[in-house]
Amino acid sequence: MKQRASPIKVIQSAAFVENFHSPDLSLDVRPKNYSLHQAFFYPSLDGTRHSFANIGIARAKPEQQLSSPPATPAPASKKKSTKVKKEAATASPATPALSRKRTRTNVKQEESDVNELPHNLGTALPTPGADADAEDHAAATPPAKKRAKRASKKEDVAVDTKVAKVEGEIDDVVEDATPKKTPKKKENYGLTPGMTPYPDYPRPTHEECREVVRLLEKVHGQVIVPKEIAPPSLDVAGCGEVPSVLDALVRTRLSANTTNKNSSTAFQGLVARFGTLKEGIGKGSVDWDAVRRAPQKEVFKAIERGGLADRKSKDIQAILQIAYDENQARKDALTNPDDNPTGAEQEPDSEKDQEITKATQNVISLDHLHLLSTDDAINKMLTFPGIGPKTASCVALFCLQRPSFAVDTHVFRLCQYLGWVPKTAKKRQPKVDRNTTYSHCDVRIPDELKYPLHQLLIKHGKSCPRCRAITGQSSASWEEGCPIEHLVKRHGAKKGGVSQPARKKAAKAAASADAELDDGAEEDSELSDAPTNEEG
């Protein structure tokens, strides 16, 4: 009987058949002109035809005894057999040995497993340390097969480029850890010292400011401007209420965009890690020179519990470096009879000697800002990294004890509710934000009311059941009311606004309360605004 022509090369032994159909199909001996139908069946030595789909079953059956017994093949795992079945099923949709439903299920499962592999997670850049991990992994892993080593030169170049880029970024981080001379920032906050950005907007008037102070002091207590600044606390960061300008600046920077508790925790971390000066002219202050010279990572660790530690640690070290450079320059100028630094003409000789001593002992200080005018001092602080109008104004108000109306988020919200800034700016005027509100109100509010108004508006913005940012008409405490209800017009759907009848009712209630106070109903109360004998 004439044997049918085989679409595959002549098979010499059954052992070769087994190896040919092993899961490792790296060697393909099919002729180039084979058809899909021809490839599905192949003749064996006994003249029978087998299909690729039946490979796993055929291999499990006992082979016919041959004159020279074949080598015993390695036992195939269930996983490898399944893989061969899937490849055969993919080659032809009509598989006699397997149902179409089962074939589709297996293919889907195979795709799901491949997508879950780590190397299919995308094209993200390698993270720092990835090269060392890859070398350790390569040392513990046997050499890959030839197919796994195939890669185009373009891919190698792309990987090398990405690795080089990451290494460059790592070098930049390492370089940032060493304090350097930091260039001054060139950010324009649009401030107009001594001028309002809304010259045709007549509010707030002096009378409005006094009325708000009077009403809020009934609820939150009287605010008295301190004559002297208390010694600094090492437990509370505060917002600039310390004698040292540098301390005030750093503490206020730590308090930005976080709670008082978090900023105090961050400051305590600085004290614990870098310590304080035990003796000398700066005794009791944080060792800021140690903070300046430390790697940025250590400063980050010290303040990380306060929030935004990465940005704040870099800003603090940059401020310290700028202050250190200025101290050394001023020392050189003060010791030179032909040179006078800024403000030296107003500085007593004793303070000049103290400034020289601090610079010689590397005790960093910014106390020479006391010699500048309020606007010049604020403009100088605005040149430091991370210092904006709010921080500079707080330091001027609490540390330098200058009249300045610092505007934070609570003050800004209440200024809008009170109508002290326009809702929308006119053409060619800057938009209404915290900075323009500061510039406008700092001109319109009397100097003697800036300190109490700042304190009272913050206290009220945090505690009022209606003026707090998160409250609305559905809040449980909404019915408790607001002492300045008749003066405000809140925006936002949840606030509901204030109707005219409600404003008139609140104004009448305020007038009645004043009448009761005049009759002595609340005599000696801490909420009374009547002057005492001590106040004169």
Protein backbone atom coordinates (compact mmCIF):
# COMPACT_ATOMS: atom_id res chain seq x y z
CA MET A 1 0.00 0.00 0.00
CA LYS A 2 1.38 3.34 -0.99
CA GLN A 3 2.09 5.48 2.08
CA ARG A 4 0.52 8.94 2.17
CA ALA A 5 2.94 11.85 1.82
CA SER A 6 3.66 13.46 5.20
CA PRO A 7 3.35 17.26 5.58
CA ILE A 8 6.15 17.06 8.15
CA LYS A 9 9.69 15.77 7.79
CA VAL A 10 10.14 12.01 8.12
CA ILE A 11 10.01 10.95 11.76
CA GLN A 12 12.75 8.49 12.60
CA SER A 13 11.49 7.13 15.90
CA ALA A 14 8.67 7.38 18.39
CA ALA A 15 11.03 9.12 20.78
CA PHE A 16 11.47 11.92 18.26
CA VAL A 17 7.68 12.14 18.00
CA GLU A 18 7.45 12.61 21.73
CA ASN A 19 10.14 15.30 21.75
CA PHE A 20 8.56 17.02 18.78
CA HIS A 21 5.27 17.34 20.65
CA SER A 22 6.84 18.33 23.96
CA PRO A 23 5.74 21.68 25.42
CA ASP A 24 9.04 23.22 24.35
CA LEU A 25 8.20 23.99 20.72
CA SER A 26 11.26 26.12 20.11
CA LEU A 27 12.15 23.95 17.07
CA ASP A 28 9.60 24.15 14.27
CA VAL A 29 10.15 21.56 11.52
CA ARG A 30 6.96 22.18 9.57
CA PRO A 31 7.44 23.01 5.90
CA LYS A 32 6.68 26.58 4.91
CA ASN A 33 3.90 25.57 2.51
CA TYR A 34 1.87 23.48 4.95
CA SER A 35 -1.85 24.13 5.26
CA LEU A 36 -3.88 24.42 8.42
CA HIS A 37 -5.69 21.16 7.59
CA GLN A 38 -2.47 19.30 6.90
CA ALA A 39 -0.87 20.56 10.07
CA PHE A 40 -3.73 19.29 12.18
CA PHE A 41 -2.98 15.59 11.46
CA TYR A 42 0.32 13.80 11.19
CA PRO A 43 1.14 10.13 10.33
CA SER A 44 2.99 7.98 12.83
CA LEU A 45 5.19 4.99 12.11
CA ASP A 46 2.28 2.56 12.39
CA GLY A 47 0.32 4.36 9.67
CA THR A 48 -2.33 5.86 11.98
CA ARG A 49 -3.13 9.53 12.06
CA HIS A 50 -3.02 11.59 15.25
CA SER A 51 -4.25 15.10 15.91
CA PHE A 52 -2.46 17.83 17.90
CA ALA A 53 -5.48 18.01 20.20
CA ASN A 54 -4.99 14.34 21.15
CA ILE A 55 -1.29 14.71 21.91
CA GLY A 56 -1.71 14.59 25.69
CA ILE A 57 -3.93 11.48 25.46
CA ALA A 58 -1.73 9.75 22.89
CA ARG A 59 1.33 10.24 25.03
CA ALA A 60 -0.42 8.71 28.01
CA LYS A 61 -1.30 5.50 26.05
CA PRO A 62 1.28 2.68 25.95
CA GLU A 63 3.37 2.79 22.79
CA GLN A 64 3.66 -0.18 20.46
CA GLN A 65 6.81 -2.22 21.12
CA LEU A 66 9.50 -1.34 18.60
CA SER A 67 12.68 -3.16 17.63
CA SER A 68 14.72 -0.54 19.46
CA PRO A 69 12.84 0.85 22.49
CA PRO A 70 12.71 4.66 22.67
CA ALA A 71 14.19 6.67 25.47
CA THR A 72 11.85 7.25 28.34
CA PRO A 73 10.56 10.82 28.11
CA ALA A 74 10.39 13.07 31.18
CA PRO A 75 6.96 13.10 32.80
CA ALA A 76 4.99 16.06 31.56
CA SER A 77 3.24 18.21 34.12
CA LYS A 78 -0.44 18.91 33.88
CA LYS A 79 0.26 22.59 33.28
CA LYS A 80 2.49 21.92 30.29
CA SER A 81 -0.01 19.48 28.78
CA THR A 82 -2.72 22.09 29.11
CA LYS A 83 -0.51 24.61 27.35
CA VAL A 84 0.00 22.27 24.35
CA LYS A 85 -3.73 21.65 24.19
CA LYS A 86 -4.39 25.37 24.13
CA GLU A 87 -1.90 25.97 21.35
CA ALA A 88 -3.39 23.17 19.28
CA ALA A 89 -6.90 24.44 19.89
CA THR A 90 -5.78 27.89 18.77
CA ALA A 91 -4.38 26.45 15.55
CA SER A 92 -7.79 25.05 14.49
CA PRO A 93 -11.23 26.03 15.77
CA ALA A 94 -12.56 22.52 15.00
CA THR A 95 -11.08 20.26 17.67
CA PRO A 96 -12.49 16.71 17.72
CA ALA A 97 -11.18 15.84 21.18
CA LEU A 98 -12.20 19.00 23.07
CA SER A 99 -15.47 20.92 23.14
CA ARG A 100 -15.59 24.51 21.93
CA LYS A 101 -16.87 25.69 25.31
CA ARG A 102 -13.97 24.20 27.20
CA THR A 103 -11.43 25.51 24.72
CA ARG A 104 -12.72 29.08 25.04
CA THR A 105 -12.65 28.88 28.81
CA ASN A 106 -9.05 27.75 28.86
CA VAL A 107 -7.91 30.48 26.49
CA LYS A 108 -9.53 33.18 28.63
CA GLN A 109 -7.88 31.84 31.76
CA GLU A 110 -4.50 31.85 30.03
CA GLU A 111 -4.90 35.53 29.06
CA SER A 112 -5.91 36.50 32.60
CA ASP A 113 -2.84 34.85 34.08
CA VAL A 114 -0.51 36.62 31.64
CA ASN A 115 -1.97 40.05 32.44
CA GLU A 116 -1.34 39.50 36.12
CA LEU A 117 2.43 39.11 35.65
CA PRO A 118 4.55 41.92 37.14
CA HIS A 119 6.34 42.68 33.88
CA ASN A 120 3.02 43.56 32.22
CA LEU A 121 2.25 46.38 34.63
CA GLY A 122 3.20 49.17 32.23
CA THR A 123 6.21 51.25 31.25
CA ALA A 124 6.89 53.08 34.51
CA LEU A 125 10.42 54.24 35.13
CA PRO A 126 12.50 52.06 37.47
CA THR A 127 12.61 53.17 41.08
CA PRO A 128 15.81 54.03 42.93
CA GLY A 129 17.57 50.80 43.95
CA ALA A 130 16.00 48.80 41.14
CA ASP A 131 19.38 48.17 39.50
CA ALA A 132 20.85 46.60 42.63
CA ASP A 133 17.75 44.44 43.12
CA ALA A 134 17.96 43.30 39.52
CA GLU A 135 21.61 42.26 39.96
CA ASP A 136 20.80 40.25 43.10
CA HIS A 137 17.90 38.59 41.32
CA ALA A 138 20.07 37.73 38.32
CA ALA A 139 22.74 36.15 40.55
CA ALA A 140 20.17 33.86 42.18
CA THR A 141 18.33 32.96 38.95
CA PRO A 142 19.65 30.45 36.39
CA PRO A 143 20.40 31.73 32.87
CA ALA A 144 17.31 32.37 30.78
CA LYS A 145 16.53 30.45 27.62
CA LYS A 146 17.60 31.73 24.23
CA ARG A 147 14.15 33.07 23.36
CA ALA A 148 14.07 35.10 26.57
CA LYS A 149 17.36 36.79 25.69
CA ARG A 150 16.13 38.12 22.39
CA ALA A 151 15.77 41.90 22.57
CA SER A 152 16.22 44.63 20.06
CA LYS A 153 18.95 47.18 20.40
CA LYS A 154 16.34 49.95 20.47
CA GLU A 155 14.76 48.46 23.60
CA ASP A 156 18.19 48.25 25.27
CA VAL A 157 18.88 51.87 24.45
CA ALA A 158 15.46 52.93 25.79
CA VAL A 159 16.00 51.07 29.08
CA ASP A 160 19.49 52.50 29.46
CA THR A 161 18.10 55.99 28.86
CA LYS A 162 15.42 55.56 31.53
CA VAL A 163 17.91 54.17 34.04
CA ALA A 164 20.31 57.04 33.35
CA LYS A 165 17.47 59.51 33.85
CA VAL A 166 16.52 58.02 37.22
CA GLU A 167 20.18 57.95 38.29
CA GLY A 168 20.41 61.63 37.40
CA GLU A 169 17.37 62.36 39.55
CA ILE A 170 18.92 60.44 42.44
CA ASP A 171 22.09 62.49 42.09
CA ASP A 172 19.98 65.66 42.24
CA VAL A 173 18.35 64.48 45.49
CA VAL A 174 21.76 63.74 47.00
CA GLU A 175 23.02 67.15 45.99
CA ASP A 176 19.93 68.79 47.52
CA ALA A 177 20.84 67.25 50.88
CA THR A 178 23.85 69.57 51.11
CA PRO A 179 22.91 73.17 51.98
CA LYS A 180 23.82 75.55 49.21
CA LYS A 181 23.35 79.18 48.48
CA THR A 182 19.71 79.35 47.49
CA PRO A 183 18.76 81.96 44.89
CA LYS A 184 16.01 84.34 45.84
CA LYS A 185 12.62 83.46 44.47
CA LYS A 186 11.09 85.76 41.91
CA GLU A 187 7.40 85.38 42.73
CA ASN A 188 5.10 88.37 42.44
CA TYR A 189 2.11 88.19 44.76
CA GLY A 190 0.55 91.31 43.26
CA LEU A 191 0.75 93.23 46.54
CA THR A 192 0.36 96.99 46.51
CA PRO A 193 1.74 98.26 49.87
CA GLY A 194 -0.13 101.35 51.01
CA MET A 195 -2.58 101.10 48.11
CA THR A 196 -5.75 99.08 47.70
CA PRO A 197 -6.24 97.07 44.49
CA TYR A 198 -9.93 98.18 44.58
CA PRO A 199 -9.72 101.94 45.15
CA ASP A 200 -13.38 102.52 44.25
CA TYR A 201 -14.68 99.99 46.80
CA PRO A 202 -15.40 101.94 50.02
CA ARG A 203 -15.68 99.04 52.48
CA PRO A 204 -14.96 98.27 55.23
CA THR A 205 -15.45 101.61 56.93
CA HIS A 206 -13.94 102.38 60.32
CA GLU A 207 -17.41 102.16 61.88
CA GLU A 208 -18.01 98.70 60.41
CA CYS A 209 -14.71 97.44 61.78
CA ARG A 210 -15.45 98.74 65.28
CA GLU A 211 -18.94 97.24 65.20
CA VAL A 212 -17.64 93.78 64.31
CA VAL A 213 -15.00 93.97 67.05
CA ARG A 214 -17.64 95.05 69.58
CA LEU A 215 -20.06 92.24 68.72
CA LEU A 216 -17.47 89.47 68.54
CA GLU A 217 -15.80 90.46 71.80
CA LYS A 218 -19.13 89.89 73.56
CA VAL A 219 -18.95 86.26 72.56
CA HIS A 220 -15.23 85.48 72.35
CA GLY A 221 -13.85 87.86 74.96
CA GLN A 222 -11.86 91.05 74.78
CA VAL A 223 -8.59 91.01 72.84
CA ILE A 224 -5.70 93.01 74.28
CA VAL A 225 -2.57 93.70 72.27
CA PRO A 226 0.43 92.45 74.28
CA LYS A 227 3.03 95.03 75.22
CA GLU A 228 5.82 92.46 75.46
CA ILE A 229 6.37 89.15 73.72
CA ALA A 230 6.44 86.14 76.01
CA PRO A 231 9.51 83.85 76.02
CA PRO A 232 9.34 81.21 73.30
CA SER A 233 7.85 77.80 74.01
CA LEU A 234 9.59 74.63 72.89
CA ASP A 235 6.31 72.71 72.87
CA VAL A 236 4.01 74.97 70.83
CA ALA A 237 4.90 76.22 67.35
CA GLY A 238 2.45 79.12 67.37
CA CYS A 239 2.17 81.65 64.59
CA GLY A 240 5.02 84.05 65.19
CA GLU A 241 4.41 85.00 68.83
CA VAL A 242 8.11 84.77 69.78
CA PRO A 243 10.86 87.39 70.15
CA SER A 244 13.23 85.89 67.56
CA VAL A 245 12.31 86.79 63.98
CA LEU A 246 13.91 83.61 62.62
CA ASP A 247 12.04 81.46 65.15
CA ALA A 248 8.82 83.22 64.23
CA LEU A 249 9.40 82.71 60.52
CA VAL A 250 10.16 78.99 60.83
CA ARG A 251 7.33 78.35 63.28
CA THR A 252 4.85 80.14 61.03
CA ARG A 253 6.10 78.16 58.01
CA LEU A 254 5.47 74.95 59.93
CA SER A 255 1.91 76.08 60.75
CA ALA A 256 0.96 76.54 57.09
CA ASN A 257 -1.74 74.19 55.70
CA THR A 258 -2.06 72.15 58.88
CA THR A 259 -3.51 72.24 62.38
CA ASN A 260 -1.90 73.81 65.44
CA LYS A 261 -1.39 70.36 66.92
CA ASN A 262 0.45 69.09 63.86
CA SER A 263 2.68 72.16 63.58
CA SER A 264 3.56 71.91 67.27
CA THR A 265 4.42 68.24 66.79
CA ALA A 266 6.69 69.15 63.89
CA PHE A 267 8.46 71.83 65.94
CA GLN A 268 8.94 69.41 68.82
CA GLY A 269 10.57 67.05 66.32
CA LEU A 270 13.11 69.74 65.39
CA VAL A 271 13.90 70.38 69.05
CA ALA A 272 14.27 66.67 69.81
CA ARG A 273 16.54 65.92 66.85
CA PHE A 274 18.74 69.04 66.75
CA GLY A 275 18.53 70.36 70.31
CA THR A 276 18.80 73.90 71.66
CA LEU A 277 21.69 76.20 72.45
CA LYS A 278 22.69 75.59 76.06
CA GLU A 279 24.77 78.72 76.58
CA GLY A 280 25.90 81.90 74.94
CA ILE A 281 24.04 84.69 73.25
CA GLY A 282 21.34 82.47 71.71
CA LYS A 283 20.71 80.33 74.79
CA GLY A 284 17.37 78.50 74.69
CA SER A 285 16.87 78.83 70.94
CA VAL A 286 16.82 75.91 68.53
CA ASP A 287 20.26 75.16 67.09
CA TRP A 288 19.34 76.47 63.65
CA ASP A 289 22.89 76.14 62.37
CA ALA A 290 22.69 72.39 63.02
CA VAL A 291 19.42 72.30 61.07
CA ARG A 292 21.08 74.23 58.24
CA ARG A 293 24.05 71.85 58.00
CA ALA A 294 22.04 68.62 58.35
CA PRO A 295 21.05 66.50 55.34
CA GLN A 296 17.59 67.35 54.11
CA LYS A 297 16.44 63.81 54.90
CA GLU A 298 17.09 64.36 58.62
CA VAL A 299 15.05 67.56 58.68
CA PHE A 300 12.29 65.74 56.80
CA LYS A 301 12.27 62.97 59.42
CA ALA A 302 12.12 65.52 62.23
CA ILE A 303 8.99 67.29 60.94
CA GLU A 304 7.27 64.56 58.91
CA ARG A 305 4.41 64.20 61.41
CA GLY A 306 3.41 67.82 60.80
CA GLY A 307 2.44 67.37 57.14
CA LEU A 308 4.02 68.56 53.88
CA ALA A 309 7.40 67.68 55.37
CA ASP A 310 9.25 67.39 52.06
CA ARG A 311 8.40 70.89 50.89
CA LYS A 312 8.69 72.51 54.32
CA SER A 313 12.04 70.90 55.15
CA LYS A 314 13.54 72.23 51.91
CA ASP A 315 12.09 75.70 52.52
CA ILE A 316 13.35 75.83 56.10
CA GLN A 317 16.89 74.85 55.13
CA ALA A 318 16.87 77.37 52.28
CA ILE A 319 15.71 80.14 54.66
CA LEU A 320 18.44 79.23 57.13
CA GLN A 321 21.09 79.28 54.41
CA ILE A 322 19.98 82.72 53.18
CA ALA A 323 19.92 84.06 56.75
CA TYR A 324 23.39 82.61 57.45
CA ASP A 325 24.84 84.25 54.34
CA GLU A 326 23.25 87.58 55.28
CA ASN A 327 24.65 87.35 58.82
CA GLN A 328 28.16 86.85 57.52
CA ALA A 329 27.80 89.69 55.00
CA ARG A 330 26.44 92.04 57.67
CA LYS A 331 29.26 91.11 60.04
CA ASP A 332 31.83 92.01 57.38
CA ALA A 333 30.02 95.28 56.69
CA LEU A 334 29.69 96.21 60.38
CA THR A 335 33.39 95.63 60.97
CA ASN A 336 34.26 97.83 58.00
CA PRO A 337 34.21 101.55 58.92
CA ASP A 338 33.51 102.50 55.32
CA ASP A 339 30.45 100.27 54.95
CA ASN A 340 27.05 100.28 56.62
CA PRO A 341 24.46 97.52 56.03
CA THR A 342 20.74 98.22 55.74
CA GLY A 343 19.31 99.73 58.93
CA ALA A 344 22.70 100.18 60.61
CA GLU A 345 22.13 103.91 61.02
CA GLN A 346 19.23 103.14 63.39
CA GLU A 347 21.02 100.36 65.27
CA PRO A 348 22.67 101.13 68.62
CA ASP A 349 26.33 100.18 69.03
CA SER A 350 25.43 97.51 71.60
CA GLU A 351 23.14 95.77 69.13
CA LYS A 352 25.81 95.99 66.43
CA ASP A 353 28.29 94.25 68.72
CA GLN A 354 25.69 91.61 69.53
CA GLU A 355 25.00 91.04 65.83
CA ILE A 356 28.74 90.59 65.15
CA THR A 357 29.04 88.12 68.02
CA LYS A 358 26.11 86.05 66.76
CA ALA A 359 27.57 85.83 63.27
CA THR A 360 30.98 84.85 64.67
CA GLN A 361 29.43 82.04 66.74
CA ASN A 362 27.20 80.90 63.83
CA VAL A 363 24.05 81.79 65.76
CA ILE A 364 21.71 82.44 62.85
CA SER A 365 19.42 85.44 63.30
CA LEU A 366 17.04 87.68 61.39
CA ASP A 367 16.56 90.20 64.18
CA HIS A 368 17.96 92.95 61.96
CA LEU A 369 14.51 93.05 60.30
CA HIS A 370 13.41 95.05 63.34
CA LEU A 371 15.41 97.91 61.84
CA LEU A 372 13.26 98.04 58.69
CA SER A 373 9.88 99.64 58.09
CA THR A 374 6.82 97.40 58.08
CA ASP A 375 6.52 97.31 54.30
CA ASP A 376 10.26 96.76 53.83
CA ALA A 377 10.32 93.98 56.43
CA ILE A 378 7.35 92.21 54.79
CA ASN A 379 8.90 92.57 51.32
CA LYS A 380 12.15 91.15 52.66
CA MET A 381 10.39 88.12 54.15
CA LEU A 382 8.55 87.53 50.89
CA THR A 383 11.91 86.84 49.22
CA PHE A 384 12.39 83.71 51.34
CA PRO A 385 11.28 80.34 49.88
CA GLY A 386 7.84 79.21 51.02
CA ILE A 387 6.97 82.54 52.65
CA GLY A 388 3.83 84.23 51.36
CA PRO A 389 1.88 87.34 52.37
CA LYS A 390 -0.01 85.57 55.17
CA THR A 391 3.15 84.26 56.86
CA ALA A 392 5.03 87.53 56.43
CA SER A 393 2.08 89.51 57.78
CA CYS A 394 1.76 87.20 60.82
CA VAL A 395 5.44 87.62 61.67
CA ALA A 396 5.10 91.40 61.30
CA LEU A 397 1.98 91.43 63.50
CA PHE A 398 3.04 89.09 66.31
CA CYS A 399 6.86 89.22 66.33
CA LEU A 400 7.74 92.67 65.00
CA GLN A 401 4.58 94.04 66.68
CA ARG A 402 3.64 96.09 63.66
CA PRO A 403 0.04 96.79 62.54
CA SER A 404 -0.66 94.30 59.76
CA PHE A 405 -3.94 92.58 58.90
CA ALA A 406 -2.91 88.99 58.21
CA VAL A 407 -5.50 87.09 56.13
CA ASP A 408 -5.82 83.33 56.50
CA THR A 409 -8.62 81.11 55.21
CA HIS A 410 -11.03 82.00 58.05
CA VAL A 411 -10.39 85.74 57.80
CA PHE A 412 -10.81 85.60 54.03
CA ARG A 413 -14.14 83.77 54.27
CA LEU A 414 -15.57 86.20 56.82
CA CYS A 415 -14.37 89.24 54.87
CA GLN A 416 -16.39 87.89 51.97
CA TYR A 417 -19.44 87.22 54.16
CA LEU A 418 -19.20 90.75 55.57
CA GLY A 419 -18.88 92.27 52.11
CA TRP A 420 -15.54 93.89 52.88
CA VAL A 421 -14.21 92.94 49.44
CA PRO A 422 -16.09 93.06 46.14
CA LYS A 423 -17.71 89.86 44.91
CA THR A 424 -16.17 90.26 41.49
CA ALA A 425 -13.40 92.58 40.38
CA LYS A 426 -13.93 95.14 37.70
CA LYS A 427 -12.11 95.19 34.41
CA ARG A 428 -8.32 95.53 34.75
CA GLN A 429 -8.54 94.83 38.48
CA PRO A 430 -7.01 91.68 40.01
CA LYS A 431 -9.30 88.85 41.02
CA VAL A 432 -10.45 88.70 44.61
CA ASP A 433 -8.34 86.25 46.60
CA ARG A 434 -6.53 86.11 49.93
CA ASN A 435 -3.63 88.27 48.75
CA THR A 436 -5.77 91.04 47.29
CA THR A 437 -8.01 90.89 50.37
CA TYR A 438 -4.90 91.47 52.49
CA SER A 439 -3.81 94.40 50.35
CA HIS A 440 -7.29 95.98 50.40
CA CYS A 441 -8.18 95.46 54.07
CA ASP A 442 -4.71 96.41 55.32
CA VAL A 443 -5.39 99.87 53.87
CA ARG A 444 -9.05 100.18 54.90
CA ILE A 445 -8.87 98.83 58.50
CA PRO A 446 -7.56 101.17 61.22
CA ASP A 447 -4.16 100.15 62.61
CA GLU A 448 -5.41 99.82 66.18
CA LEU A 449 -8.08 97.30 65.10
CA LYS A 450 -5.90 95.02 62.93
CA TYR A 451 -4.68 92.86 65.80
CA PRO A 452 -8.06 92.31 67.53
CA LEU A 453 -9.92 91.84 64.24
CA HIS A 454 -7.43 89.21 63.07
CA GLN A 455 -7.73 87.27 66.32
CA LEU A 456 -11.52 87.57 66.58
CA LEU A 457 -12.25 86.61 62.98
CA ILE A 458 -10.09 83.48 63.28
CA LYS A 459 -11.78 82.53 66.57
CA HIS A 460 -15.23 83.15 65.12
CA GLY A 461 -14.46 81.36 61.84
CA LYS A 462 -13.46 78.24 63.77
CA SER A 463 -16.31 78.16 66.28
CA CYS A 464 -19.44 79.84 64.87
CA PRO A 465 -22.13 77.25 64.02
CA ARG A 466 -23.07 79.25 60.92
CA CYS A 467 -19.83 80.86 59.76
CA ARG A 468 -17.66 77.77 59.95
CA ALA A 469 -16.79 76.45 56.51
CA ILE A 470 -18.30 72.98 56.95
CA THR A 471 -21.68 73.92 58.44
CA GLY A 472 -24.98 74.34 56.64
CA GLN A 473 -28.66 74.87 57.32
CA SER A 474 -29.05 71.17 58.05
CA SER A 475 -26.36 71.22 60.75
CA ALA A 476 -27.55 70.42 64.25
CA SER A 477 -26.10 73.63 65.74
CA TRP A 478 -27.38 75.96 63.02
CA GLU A 479 -30.23 77.21 65.20
CA GLU A 480 -27.77 78.53 67.79
CA GLY A 481 -27.39 81.59 65.57
CA CYS A 482 -24.54 84.02 64.93
CA PRO A 483 -23.75 87.31 66.72
CA ILE A 484 -23.09 89.10 63.41
CA GLU A 485 -25.98 87.48 61.53
CA HIS A 486 -27.41 90.85 60.47
CA LEU A 487 -24.06 91.93 59.02
CA VAL A 488 -23.17 88.94 56.90
CA LYS A 489 -24.41 87.55 53.63
CA ARG A 490 -23.08 84.04 53.24
CA HIS A 491 -22.53 82.42 49.88
CA GLY A 492 -22.97 78.79 48.96
CA ALA A 493 -26.10 76.67 48.59
CA LYS A 494 -25.78 74.97 51.97
CA LYS A 495 -25.51 78.30 53.77
CA GLY A 496 -28.79 79.48 52.26
CA GLY A 497 -27.90 83.16 52.40
CA VAL A 498 -29.70 85.58 54.70
CA SER A 499 -33.06 87.14 53.88
CA GLN A 500 -33.85 90.79 54.60
CA PRO A 501 -36.36 89.97 57.39
CA ALA A 502 -33.80 87.75 59.08
CA ARG A 503 -31.18 90.51 58.90
CA LYS A 504 -33.59 93.02 60.46
CA LYS A 505 -34.53 90.56 63.20
CA ALA A 506 -30.88 89.93 64.04
CA ALA A 507 -30.14 93.66 64.13
CA LYS A 508 -33.08 94.22 66.50
CA ALA A 509 -31.86 91.41 68.75
CA ALA A 510 -28.40 92.96 68.85
CA ALA A 511 -29.86 96.34 69.79
CA SER A 512 -31.91 94.75 72.59
CA ALA A 513 -28.82 93.07 73.96
CA ASP A 514 -27.03 96.42 74.03
CA ALA A 515 -29.93 97.98 75.92
CA GLU A 516 -29.82 95.26 78.55
CA LEU A 517 -26.10 95.79 79.01
CA ASP A 518 -26.65 99.52 79.48
CA ASP A 519 -29.20 98.76 82.22
CA GLY A 520 -26.55 96.78 84.09
CA ALA A 521 -28.16 93.38 83.62
CA GLU A 522 -24.79 91.84 82.85
CA GLU A 523 -22.59 93.97 85.08
CA ASP A 524 -19.03 92.64 85.62
CA SER A 525 -19.49 90.04 82.89
CA GLU A 526 -16.38 89.15 80.92
CA LEU A 527 -18.43 89.63 77.75
CA SER A 528 -19.25 93.23 78.57
CA ASP A 529 -17.62 95.88 76.43
CA ALA A 530 -17.98 98.58 79.09
CA PRO A 531 -14.59 99.94 80.19
CA THR A 532 -13.42 98.95 83.68
CA ASN A 533 -11.60 101.13 86.20
CA GLU A 534 -8.31 99.52 85.28
CA GLU A 535 -8.81 100.38 81.63
CA GLY A 536 -9.54 103.96 82.50
